[in-house]
Amino acid sequence: RAMPNVKNHTPAELVRALEFVAYEIRMLVGALSLAALRADVRAIAAPELAALALSNATVELRALHARNVCEFLQPHKPKSNFVVAQHYLPRFAVNDASLMRVWSLASRYLAHITADRVTDHEHAAGEKSKAWELAELAPILRAALEFVDGLLVSNWLREEDNRRAAFQEARTGLAELLAAIPHGDPLSM
């Protein structure tokens, strides 16, 4: 079923775009996994700023890839050149308000300086969180996992296709992140 305002891409365009779909999903998994790492910033000239930059870069990376994956899975206002999940899996549909909430927050956070942003002080004091917590992103992770599972059994990826391996890696990462949620959130910042 065609999305309004979205072009019917050729099969070749869609096969090519699979690389970008895999990239966005894998980078979302990677961004969420980054918080588990602790950088050694002692040797850097301004370790406090380096630690702050790393923390904020992780938050922004989460927001960016969460927004891109949301837009792919459940397009808000798709432009004609967008590639969306339904191009690959016509019956795939996500109707989850939490995806639209994350998309909206991410778009505002990434694109504008707003008065409702969380300050570093508010975050450090535990008053407000500016991290994209793993549990908050669970609906996106579940929808992405559902899409990847559908794509892996579709005719879009051949066994020898290196994109298949990328989607299998993404699937493993999504499943591991989702499994971490009930046991606390060790990946949150």
N, C-alpha and C. Protein backbone atom coordinates (compact mmCIF):
# COMPACT_ATOMS: atom_id res chain seq x y z
N ARG A 1 0.85 -1.17 0.00
CA ARG A 1 0.00 0.00 0.00
C ARG A 1 0.90 1.23 0.00
N ALA A 2 0.59 2.16 -0.86
CA ALA A 2 1.43 3.34 -1.01
C ALA A 2 1.14 4.35 0.10
N MET A 3 2.20 5.00 0.55
CA MET A 3 2.07 6.06 1.54
C MET A 3 1.78 7.35 0.78
N PRO A 4 0.92 8.19 1.32
CA PRO A 4 0.67 9.47 0.65
C PRO A 4 1.97 10.27 0.56
N ASN A 5 2.18 10.92 -0.54
CA ASN A 5 3.34 11.78 -0.79
C ASN A 5 4.66 11.02 -0.94
N VAL A 6 4.65 9.70 -0.83
CA VAL A 6 5.89 8.94 -0.94
C VAL A 6 5.95 8.29 -2.31
N LYS A 7 7.07 8.52 -2.97
CA LYS A 7 7.30 7.99 -4.31
C LYS A 7 7.39 6.47 -4.27
N ASN A 8 6.92 5.82 -5.30
CA ASN A 8 7.14 4.39 -5.47
C ASN A 8 8.52 4.22 -6.09
N HIS A 9 9.48 3.88 -5.28
CA HIS A 9 10.85 3.72 -5.74
C HIS A 9 10.99 2.45 -6.56
N THR A 10 12.00 2.43 -7.41
CA THR A 10 12.27 1.23 -8.19
C THR A 10 12.87 0.17 -7.27
N PRO A 11 12.76 -1.10 -7.65
CA PRO A 11 13.40 -2.14 -6.84
C PRO A 11 14.89 -1.89 -6.63
N ALA A 12 15.58 -1.40 -7.64
CA ALA A 12 17.02 -1.12 -7.51
C ALA A 12 17.27 -0.02 -6.48
N GLU A 13 16.45 1.01 -6.47
CA GLU A 13 16.59 2.08 -5.47
C GLU A 13 16.36 1.54 -4.07
N LEU A 14 15.37 0.68 -3.92
CA LEU A 14 15.06 0.12 -2.61
C LEU A 14 16.14 -0.82 -2.12
N VAL A 15 16.71 -1.63 -3.02
CA VAL A 15 17.80 -2.52 -2.63
C VAL A 15 18.99 -1.67 -2.18
N ARG A 16 19.29 -0.62 -2.91
CA ARG A 16 20.39 0.27 -2.53
C ARG A 16 20.12 0.92 -1.18
N ALA A 17 18.90 1.34 -0.93
CA ALA A 17 18.54 2.03 0.31
C ALA A 17 18.60 1.11 1.53
N LEU A 18 18.58 -0.20 1.31
CA LEU A 18 18.68 -1.13 2.45
C LEU A 18 19.95 -0.88 3.26
N GLU A 19 21.01 -0.46 2.59
CA GLU A 19 22.25 -0.17 3.29
C GLU A 19 22.04 0.96 4.31
N PHE A 20 21.24 1.97 3.94
CA PHE A 20 20.99 3.09 4.84
C PHE A 20 20.06 2.69 5.98
N VAL A 21 19.11 1.82 5.69
CA VAL A 21 18.20 1.33 6.72
C VAL A 21 19.00 0.54 7.77
N ALA A 22 19.85 -0.35 7.30
CA ALA A 22 20.69 -1.13 8.22
C ALA A 22 21.59 -0.21 9.02
N TYR A 23 22.15 0.80 8.38
CA TYR A 23 23.02 1.75 9.07
C TYR A 23 22.28 2.43 10.22
N GLU A 24 21.10 2.95 9.96
CA GLU A 24 20.36 3.68 11.00
C GLU A 24 20.01 2.77 12.17
N ILE A 25 19.54 1.57 11.90
CA ILE A 25 19.18 0.66 12.98
C ILE A 25 20.42 0.24 13.75
N ARG A 26 21.50 -0.08 13.05
CA ARG A 26 22.74 -0.48 13.73
C ARG A 26 23.32 0.67 14.55
N MET A 27 23.23 1.90 14.05
CA MET A 27 23.76 3.04 14.79
C MET A 27 22.90 3.35 16.02
N LEU A 28 21.60 3.12 15.93
CA LEU A 28 20.75 3.28 17.11
C LEU A 28 21.17 2.27 18.18
N VAL A 29 21.37 1.02 17.78
CA VAL A 29 21.84 -0.01 18.72
C VAL A 29 23.21 0.39 19.29
N GLY A 30 24.10 0.84 18.44
CA GLY A 30 25.42 1.25 18.89
C GLY A 30 25.37 2.44 19.83
N ALA A 31 24.53 3.43 19.52
CA ALA A 31 24.40 4.60 20.39
C ALA A 31 23.86 4.23 21.76
N LEU A 32 22.92 3.31 21.78
CA LEU A 32 22.37 2.88 23.06
C LEU A 32 23.38 2.04 23.83
N SER A 33 24.26 1.38 23.14
CA SER A 33 25.28 0.56 23.79
C SER A 33 26.48 1.38 24.26
N LEU A 34 26.67 2.56 23.69
CA LEU A 34 27.81 3.40 24.05
C LEU A 34 27.84 3.75 25.53
N ALA A 35 26.68 3.91 26.13
CA ALA A 35 26.64 4.31 27.53
C ALA A 35 27.29 3.27 28.43
N ALA A 36 27.41 2.05 27.96
CA ALA A 36 28.04 1.01 28.76
C ALA A 36 29.56 1.18 28.79
N LEU A 37 30.07 1.98 27.87
CA LEU A 37 31.51 2.22 27.82
C LEU A 37 31.87 3.39 28.73
N ARG A 38 33.04 3.35 29.28
CA ARG A 38 33.54 4.46 30.07
C ARG A 38 34.86 4.90 29.44
N ALA A 39 34.88 6.11 28.93
CA ALA A 39 36.09 6.61 28.27
C ALA A 39 37.13 7.03 29.30
N ASP A 40 38.37 6.77 28.98
CA ASP A 40 39.46 7.22 29.83
C ASP A 40 39.85 8.60 29.35
N VAL A 41 39.40 9.62 30.07
CA VAL A 41 39.63 11.00 29.65
C VAL A 41 40.70 11.70 30.48
N ARG A 42 41.41 10.97 31.34
CA ARG A 42 42.41 11.60 32.22
C ARG A 42 43.56 12.22 31.44
N ALA A 43 43.92 11.67 30.30
CA ALA A 43 45.07 12.17 29.55
C ALA A 43 44.71 13.34 28.64
N ILE A 44 43.46 13.71 28.62
CA ILE A 44 43.01 14.80 27.75
C ILE A 44 43.20 16.13 28.48
N ALA A 45 43.51 17.19 27.74
CA ALA A 45 43.78 18.50 28.34
C ALA A 45 42.62 19.01 29.19
N ALA A 46 41.42 18.82 28.77
CA ALA A 46 40.24 19.30 29.51
C ALA A 46 39.32 18.11 29.77
N PRO A 47 39.68 17.25 30.72
CA PRO A 47 38.91 16.02 30.92
C PRO A 47 37.44 16.24 31.27
N GLU A 48 37.13 17.32 32.00
CA GLU A 48 35.73 17.57 32.35
C GLU A 48 34.92 17.88 31.10
N LEU A 49 35.50 18.71 30.23
CA LEU A 49 34.80 19.03 28.98
C LEU A 49 34.72 17.82 28.06
N ALA A 50 35.77 17.01 28.05
CA ALA A 50 35.75 15.80 27.21
C ALA A 50 34.67 14.84 27.69
N ALA A 51 34.57 14.68 29.02
CA ALA A 51 33.54 13.80 29.57
C ALA A 51 32.15 14.35 29.26
N LEU A 52 31.97 15.67 29.40
CA LEU A 52 30.67 16.29 29.09
C LEU A 52 30.35 16.13 27.61
N ALA A 53 31.34 16.36 26.75
CA ALA A 53 31.12 16.22 25.30
C ALA A 53 30.76 14.79 24.94
N LEU A 54 31.45 13.82 25.55
CA LEU A 54 31.14 12.42 25.27
C LEU A 54 29.72 12.08 25.72
N SER A 55 29.36 12.56 26.90
CA SER A 55 28.02 12.31 27.42
C SER A 55 26.96 12.92 26.50
N ASN A 56 27.16 14.19 26.13
CA ASN A 56 26.19 14.86 25.27
C ASN A 56 26.18 14.27 23.87
N ALA A 57 27.35 13.88 23.36
CA ALA A 57 27.40 13.27 22.03
C ALA A 57 26.60 11.97 22.02
N THR A 58 26.69 11.21 23.11
CA THR A 58 25.94 9.96 23.20
C THR A 58 24.44 10.24 23.19
N VAL A 59 24.02 11.25 23.95
CA VAL A 59 22.60 11.62 23.99
C VAL A 59 22.14 12.07 22.61
N GLU A 60 22.92 12.91 21.96
CA GLU A 60 22.54 13.42 20.65
C GLU A 60 22.55 12.31 19.60
N LEU A 61 23.49 11.40 19.71
CA LEU A 61 23.54 10.26 18.79
C LEU A 61 22.29 9.40 18.95
N ARG A 62 21.90 9.16 20.21
CA ARG A 62 20.67 8.42 20.46
C ARG A 62 19.48 9.13 19.83
N ALA A 63 19.39 10.44 20.07
CA ALA A 63 18.25 11.21 19.55
C ALA A 63 18.20 11.18 18.03
N LEU A 64 19.35 11.39 17.41
CA LEU A 64 19.40 11.43 15.94
C LEU A 64 18.94 10.11 15.33
N HIS A 65 19.53 9.00 15.79
CA HIS A 65 19.19 7.72 15.17
C HIS A 65 17.81 7.24 15.60
N ALA A 66 17.37 7.59 16.80
CA ALA A 66 16.00 7.26 17.20
C ALA A 66 15.00 7.98 16.29
N ARG A 67 15.26 9.25 16.01
CA ARG A 67 14.37 10.01 15.12
C ARG A 67 14.36 9.40 13.72
N ASN A 68 15.53 9.06 13.18
CA ASN A 68 15.60 8.50 11.83
C ASN A 68 14.89 7.15 11.74
N VAL A 69 15.08 6.30 12.75
CA VAL A 69 14.42 4.99 12.73
C VAL A 69 12.91 5.16 12.90
N CYS A 70 12.49 6.08 13.78
CA CYS A 70 11.05 6.36 13.93
C CYS A 70 10.44 6.80 12.60
N GLU A 71 11.13 7.72 11.93
CA GLU A 71 10.63 8.26 10.66
C GLU A 71 10.52 7.16 9.59
N PHE A 72 11.43 6.20 9.63
CA PHE A 72 11.39 5.09 8.69
C PHE A 72 10.24 4.14 9.02
N LEU A 73 10.07 3.82 10.30
CA LEU A 73 9.06 2.85 10.72
C LEU A 73 7.64 3.41 10.70
N GLN A 74 7.49 4.65 11.13
CA GLN A 74 6.17 5.29 11.23
C GLN A 74 6.32 6.74 10.77
N PRO A 75 6.33 6.95 9.46
CA PRO A 75 6.60 8.30 8.94
C PRO A 75 5.57 9.33 9.44
N HIS A 76 6.10 10.46 9.88
CA HIS A 76 5.26 11.54 10.39
C HIS A 76 4.69 12.35 9.23
N LYS A 77 5.54 13.02 8.52
CA LYS A 77 5.14 13.78 7.32
C LYS A 77 6.16 13.45 6.24
N PRO A 78 6.00 12.28 5.61
CA PRO A 78 7.04 11.84 4.67
C PRO A 78 7.14 12.74 3.45
N LYS A 79 8.36 12.96 3.04
CA LYS A 79 8.63 13.69 1.79
C LYS A 79 8.64 12.67 0.66
N SER A 80 8.55 13.15 -0.55
CA SER A 80 8.39 12.24 -1.69
C SER A 80 9.56 11.28 -1.87
N ASN A 81 10.76 11.68 -1.46
CA ASN A 81 11.92 10.81 -1.68
C ASN A 81 12.22 9.89 -0.50
N PHE A 82 11.38 9.91 0.53
CA PHE A 82 11.60 9.05 1.70
C PHE A 82 11.48 7.58 1.32
N VAL A 83 12.28 6.77 1.97
CA VAL A 83 12.14 5.33 1.91
C VAL A 83 11.59 4.94 3.28
N VAL A 84 10.50 4.16 3.28
CA VAL A 84 9.83 3.80 4.53
C VAL A 84 9.68 2.28 4.61
N ALA A 85 9.41 1.80 5.80
CA ALA A 85 9.31 0.35 6.04
C ALA A 85 8.32 -0.32 5.10
N GLN A 86 7.24 0.36 4.79
CA GLN A 86 6.20 -0.24 3.94
C GLN A 86 6.65 -0.45 2.50
N HIS A 87 7.72 0.19 2.09
CA HIS A 87 8.26 -0.11 0.76
C HIS A 87 8.74 -1.57 0.71
N TYR A 88 9.24 -2.07 1.83
CA TYR A 88 9.79 -3.42 1.89
C TYR A 88 8.77 -4.43 2.38
N LEU A 89 7.99 -4.04 3.34
CA LEU A 89 6.97 -4.92 3.94
C LEU A 89 5.64 -4.18 3.90
N PRO A 90 4.89 -4.32 2.80
CA PRO A 90 3.67 -3.53 2.62
C PRO A 90 2.66 -3.65 3.76
N ARG A 91 2.63 -4.76 4.46
CA ARG A 91 1.67 -4.92 5.55
C ARG A 91 2.22 -4.45 6.90
N PHE A 92 3.47 -4.04 6.91
CA PHE A 92 4.08 -3.57 8.16
C PHE A 92 3.44 -2.25 8.56
N ALA A 93 2.97 -2.20 9.78
CA ALA A 93 2.36 -0.96 10.27
C ALA A 93 2.64 -0.82 11.76
N VAL A 94 3.05 0.36 12.12
CA VAL A 94 3.25 0.71 13.52
C VAL A 94 2.31 1.86 13.82
N ASN A 95 1.51 1.69 14.83
CA ASN A 95 0.63 2.78 15.24
C ASN A 95 0.83 2.96 16.74
N ASP A 96 1.96 3.52 17.08
CA ASP A 96 2.35 3.66 18.48
C ASP A 96 2.63 5.12 18.77
N ALA A 97 1.82 5.71 19.61
CA ALA A 97 1.97 7.13 19.94
C ALA A 97 3.33 7.44 20.55
N SER A 98 3.93 6.46 21.24
CA SER A 98 5.23 6.72 21.87
C SER A 98 6.32 6.94 20.81
N LEU A 99 6.19 6.32 19.64
CA LEU A 99 7.16 6.56 18.58
C LEU A 99 7.05 8.01 18.10
N MET A 100 5.83 8.49 17.97
CA MET A 100 5.64 9.87 17.52
C MET A 100 6.12 10.85 18.58
N ARG A 101 5.96 10.50 19.86
CA ARG A 101 6.43 11.38 20.94
C ARG A 101 7.96 11.47 20.89
N VAL A 102 8.62 10.33 20.73
CA VAL A 102 10.09 10.33 20.65
C VAL A 102 10.54 11.09 19.41
N TRP A 103 9.88 10.88 18.29
CA TRP A 103 10.23 11.59 17.06
C TRP A 103 10.12 13.10 17.27
N SER A 104 9.04 13.54 17.88
CA SER A 104 8.82 14.96 18.11
C SER A 104 9.87 15.54 19.05
N LEU A 105 10.13 14.85 20.16
CA LEU A 105 11.14 15.33 21.11
C LEU A 105 12.52 15.36 20.47
N ALA A 106 12.86 14.31 19.74
CA ALA A 106 14.17 14.25 19.10
C ALA A 106 14.32 15.37 18.07
N SER A 107 13.28 15.60 17.31
CA SER A 107 13.34 16.66 16.29
C SER A 107 13.56 18.02 16.93
N ARG A 108 12.81 18.30 17.99
CA ARG A 108 12.98 19.57 18.68
C ARG A 108 14.36 19.67 19.33
N TYR A 109 14.81 18.60 19.95
CA TYR A 109 16.09 18.59 20.65
C TYR A 109 17.24 18.81 19.68
N LEU A 110 17.17 18.18 18.54
CA LEU A 110 18.27 18.25 17.59
C LEU A 110 18.25 19.52 16.75
N ALA A 111 17.08 20.08 16.55
CA ALA A 111 16.96 21.17 15.59
C ALA A 111 16.84 22.56 16.21
N HIS A 112 16.52 22.65 17.48
CA HIS A 112 16.22 23.96 18.05
C HIS A 112 16.77 24.11 19.46
N ILE A 113 17.13 25.34 19.80
CA ILE A 113 17.43 25.67 21.19
C ILE A 113 16.10 26.09 21.79
N THR A 114 15.62 25.32 22.75
CA THR A 114 14.31 25.59 23.33
C THR A 114 14.44 25.78 24.84
N ALA A 115 13.45 26.46 25.40
CA ALA A 115 13.45 26.72 26.84
C ALA A 115 13.16 25.46 27.65
N ASP A 116 12.58 24.44 27.02
CA ASP A 116 12.24 23.24 27.78
C ASP A 116 13.32 22.16 27.73
N ARG A 117 14.47 22.49 27.17
CA ARG A 117 15.60 21.55 27.20
C ARG A 117 16.07 21.35 28.64
N VAL A 118 16.68 20.22 28.91
CA VAL A 118 17.20 19.92 30.24
C VAL A 118 18.63 20.43 30.32
N THR A 119 18.92 21.16 31.37
CA THR A 119 20.28 21.68 31.54
C THR A 119 21.20 20.59 32.10
N ASP A 120 22.50 20.80 31.96
CA ASP A 120 23.47 19.86 32.53
C ASP A 120 23.30 19.77 34.04
N HIS A 121 23.03 20.93 34.69
CA HIS A 121 22.85 20.95 36.14
C HIS A 121 21.62 20.13 36.55
N GLU A 122 20.49 20.32 35.85
CA GLU A 122 19.27 19.56 36.16
C GLU A 122 19.50 18.06 35.99
N HIS A 123 20.25 17.71 34.97
CA HIS A 123 20.55 16.30 34.71
C HIS A 123 21.46 15.74 35.81
N ALA A 124 22.54 16.47 36.13
CA ALA A 124 23.49 16.01 37.15
C ALA A 124 22.83 15.91 38.52
N ALA A 125 21.89 16.80 38.82
CA ALA A 125 21.21 16.80 40.12
C ALA A 125 20.10 15.75 40.19
N GLY A 126 19.84 15.09 39.07
CA GLY A 126 18.79 14.07 39.06
C GLY A 126 17.39 14.66 38.98
N GLU A 127 17.29 15.95 38.73
CA GLU A 127 15.98 16.61 38.65
C GLU A 127 15.24 16.21 37.37
N LYS A 128 15.97 16.15 36.29
CA LYS A 128 15.41 15.79 35.00
C LYS A 128 16.45 14.97 34.25
N SER A 129 15.98 14.12 33.36
CA SER A 129 16.91 13.32 32.57
C SER A 129 16.98 13.87 31.16
N LYS A 130 18.19 14.01 30.66
CA LYS A 130 18.33 14.40 29.26
C LYS A 130 18.81 13.23 28.41
N ALA A 131 19.01 12.13 29.05
CA ALA A 131 19.41 10.94 28.31
C ALA A 131 18.19 10.30 27.66
N TRP A 132 18.42 9.69 26.55
CA TRP A 132 17.36 8.90 25.93
C TRP A 132 17.48 7.52 26.55
N GLU A 133 16.73 7.31 27.62
CA GLU A 133 16.84 6.08 28.39
C GLU A 133 16.40 4.88 27.55
N LEU A 134 17.01 3.77 27.81
CA LEU A 134 16.72 2.55 27.08
C LEU A 134 15.24 2.19 27.16
N ALA A 135 14.67 2.28 28.36
CA ALA A 135 13.26 1.92 28.52
C ALA A 135 12.35 2.84 27.72
N GLU A 136 12.71 4.12 27.60
CA GLU A 136 11.91 5.07 26.82
C GLU A 136 11.92 4.72 25.33
N LEU A 137 13.00 4.10 24.90
CA LEU A 137 13.13 3.76 23.49
C LEU A 137 12.68 2.34 23.17
N ALA A 138 12.20 1.62 24.17
CA ALA A 138 11.77 0.23 23.96
C ALA A 138 10.76 0.09 22.82
N PRO A 139 9.74 0.97 22.69
CA PRO A 139 8.81 0.80 21.57
C PRO A 139 9.48 0.88 20.20
N ILE A 140 10.48 1.74 20.07
CA ILE A 140 11.21 1.84 18.80
C ILE A 140 12.01 0.56 18.57
N LEU A 141 12.65 0.08 19.62
CA LEU A 141 13.44 -1.14 19.50
C LEU A 141 12.57 -2.32 19.12
N ARG A 142 11.39 -2.43 19.75
CA ARG A 142 10.47 -3.54 19.42
C ARG A 142 9.98 -3.43 17.97
N ALA A 143 9.62 -2.22 17.54
CA ALA A 143 9.14 -2.04 16.16
C ALA A 143 10.27 -2.32 15.16
N ALA A 144 11.47 -1.87 15.48
CA ALA A 144 12.61 -2.13 14.59
C ALA A 144 12.90 -3.62 14.51
N LEU A 145 12.81 -4.31 15.65
CA LEU A 145 13.03 -5.76 15.66
C LEU A 145 11.97 -6.47 14.82
N GLU A 146 10.74 -6.04 14.94
CA GLU A 146 9.66 -6.63 14.12
C GLU A 146 9.93 -6.42 12.64
N PHE A 147 10.37 -5.20 12.28
CA PHE A 147 10.69 -4.93 10.88
C PHE A 147 11.84 -5.80 10.40
N VAL A 148 12.93 -5.85 11.18
CA VAL A 148 14.11 -6.63 10.78
C VAL A 148 13.74 -8.11 10.64
N ASP A 149 12.97 -8.63 11.59
CA ASP A 149 12.54 -10.03 11.48
C ASP A 149 11.77 -10.27 10.18
N GLY A 150 10.88 -9.35 9.85
CA GLY A 150 10.11 -9.48 8.60
C GLY A 150 11.00 -9.38 7.38
N LEU A 151 11.96 -8.47 7.42
CA LEU A 151 12.86 -8.28 6.28
C LEU A 151 13.73 -9.51 6.07
N LEU A 152 14.19 -10.11 7.17
CA LEU A 152 15.08 -11.28 7.05
C LEU A 152 14.39 -12.48 6.42
N VAL A 153 13.09 -12.59 6.53
CA VAL A 153 12.38 -13.71 5.90
C VAL A 153 11.74 -13.31 4.57
N SER A 154 11.93 -12.07 4.17
CA SER A 154 11.38 -11.61 2.89
C SER A 154 12.33 -11.97 1.75
N ASN A 155 11.97 -11.56 0.57
CA ASN A 155 12.81 -11.80 -0.61
C ASN A 155 13.80 -10.66 -0.87
N TRP A 156 13.87 -9.69 0.04
CA TRP A 156 14.72 -8.53 -0.19
C TRP A 156 16.20 -8.82 0.02
N LEU A 157 16.53 -9.78 0.84
CA LEU A 157 17.92 -10.05 1.17
C LEU A 157 18.29 -11.47 0.77
N ARG A 158 19.32 -11.60 -0.05
CA ARG A 158 19.80 -12.93 -0.42
C ARG A 158 20.79 -13.39 0.64
N GLU A 159 21.01 -14.69 0.72
CA GLU A 159 21.94 -15.26 1.70
C GLU A 159 23.34 -14.66 1.57
N GLU A 160 23.79 -14.44 0.34
CA GLU A 160 25.15 -13.95 0.13
C GLU A 160 25.25 -12.42 0.24
N ASP A 161 24.16 -11.76 0.41
CA ASP A 161 24.12 -10.30 0.48
C ASP A 161 24.73 -9.83 1.81
N ASN A 162 25.73 -8.94 1.74
CA ASN A 162 26.35 -8.46 2.98
C ASN A 162 25.37 -7.64 3.83
N ARG A 163 24.32 -7.14 3.22
CA ARG A 163 23.29 -6.41 3.99
C ARG A 163 22.55 -7.37 4.92
N ARG A 164 22.41 -8.62 4.51
CA ARG A 164 21.77 -9.62 5.38
C ARG A 164 22.54 -9.73 6.70
N ALA A 165 23.86 -9.79 6.60
CA ALA A 165 24.68 -9.87 7.81
C ALA A 165 24.51 -8.63 8.68
N ALA A 166 24.41 -7.46 8.05
CA ALA A 166 24.21 -6.22 8.81
C ALA A 166 22.87 -6.25 9.54
N PHE A 167 21.83 -6.73 8.88
CA PHE A 167 20.52 -6.81 9.53
C PHE A 167 20.50 -7.90 10.61
N GLN A 168 21.23 -8.98 10.40
CA GLN A 168 21.31 -10.00 11.45
C GLN A 168 22.03 -9.45 12.68
N GLU A 169 23.08 -8.68 12.45
CA GLU A 169 23.79 -8.02 13.55
C GLU A 169 22.87 -7.04 14.28
N ALA A 170 22.12 -6.27 13.51
CA ALA A 170 21.16 -5.33 14.10
C ALA A 170 20.12 -6.07 14.92
N ARG A 171 19.65 -7.20 14.41
CA ARG A 171 18.65 -7.99 15.11
C ARG A 171 19.18 -8.47 16.46
N THR A 172 20.40 -8.96 16.46
CA THR A 172 21.02 -9.42 17.70
C THR A 172 21.13 -8.28 18.71
N GLY A 173 21.59 -7.13 18.25
CA GLY A 173 21.72 -5.97 19.13
C GLY A 173 20.38 -5.51 19.68
N LEU A 174 19.36 -5.46 18.84
CA LEU A 174 18.02 -5.06 19.29
C LEU A 174 17.51 -6.02 20.35
N ALA A 175 17.66 -7.30 20.10
CA ALA A 175 17.18 -8.31 21.06
C ALA A 175 17.92 -8.19 22.39
N GLU A 176 19.23 -7.96 22.33
CA GLU A 176 20.02 -7.83 23.57
C GLU A 176 19.61 -6.58 24.35
N LEU A 177 19.38 -5.47 23.66
CA LEU A 177 18.95 -4.25 24.34
C LEU A 177 17.58 -4.44 24.98
N LEU A 178 16.67 -5.06 24.25
CA LEU A 178 15.33 -5.30 24.81
C LEU A 178 15.40 -6.23 26.01
N ALA A 179 16.28 -7.22 25.95
CA ALA A 179 16.42 -8.16 27.07
C ALA A 179 16.98 -7.46 28.31
N ALA A 180 17.72 -6.38 28.13
CA ALA A 180 18.32 -5.67 29.26
C ALA A 180 17.29 -4.83 30.03
N ILE A 181 16.17 -4.53 29.43
CA ILE A 181 15.21 -3.61 30.07
C ILE A 181 14.60 -4.16 31.35
N PRO A 182 14.09 -5.38 31.40
CA PRO A 182 13.47 -5.84 32.66
C PRO A 182 14.44 -5.98 33.81
N HIS A 183 15.70 -6.09 33.55
CA HIS A 183 16.71 -6.30 34.59
C HIS A 183 17.36 -5.00 35.00
N GLY A 184 16.64 -3.91 34.93
CA GLY A 184 17.24 -2.62 35.19
C GLY A 184 17.72 -2.05 33.88
N ASP A 185 18.34 -0.93 33.93
CA ASP A 185 18.77 -0.27 32.71
C ASP A 185 20.25 0.08 32.80
N PRO A 186 21.13 -0.92 32.65
CA PRO A 186 22.56 -0.64 32.77
C PRO A 186 23.11 0.23 31.66
N LEU A 187 22.33 0.42 30.60
CA LEU A 187 22.85 1.19 29.48
C LEU A 187 22.43 2.64 29.53
N SER A 188 21.62 3.03 30.49
CA SER A 188 21.21 4.43 30.54
C SER A 188 22.35 5.27 31.08
N MET A 189 22.27 6.54 30.82
CA MET A 189 23.38 7.43 31.24
C MET A 189 23.03 8.12 32.53
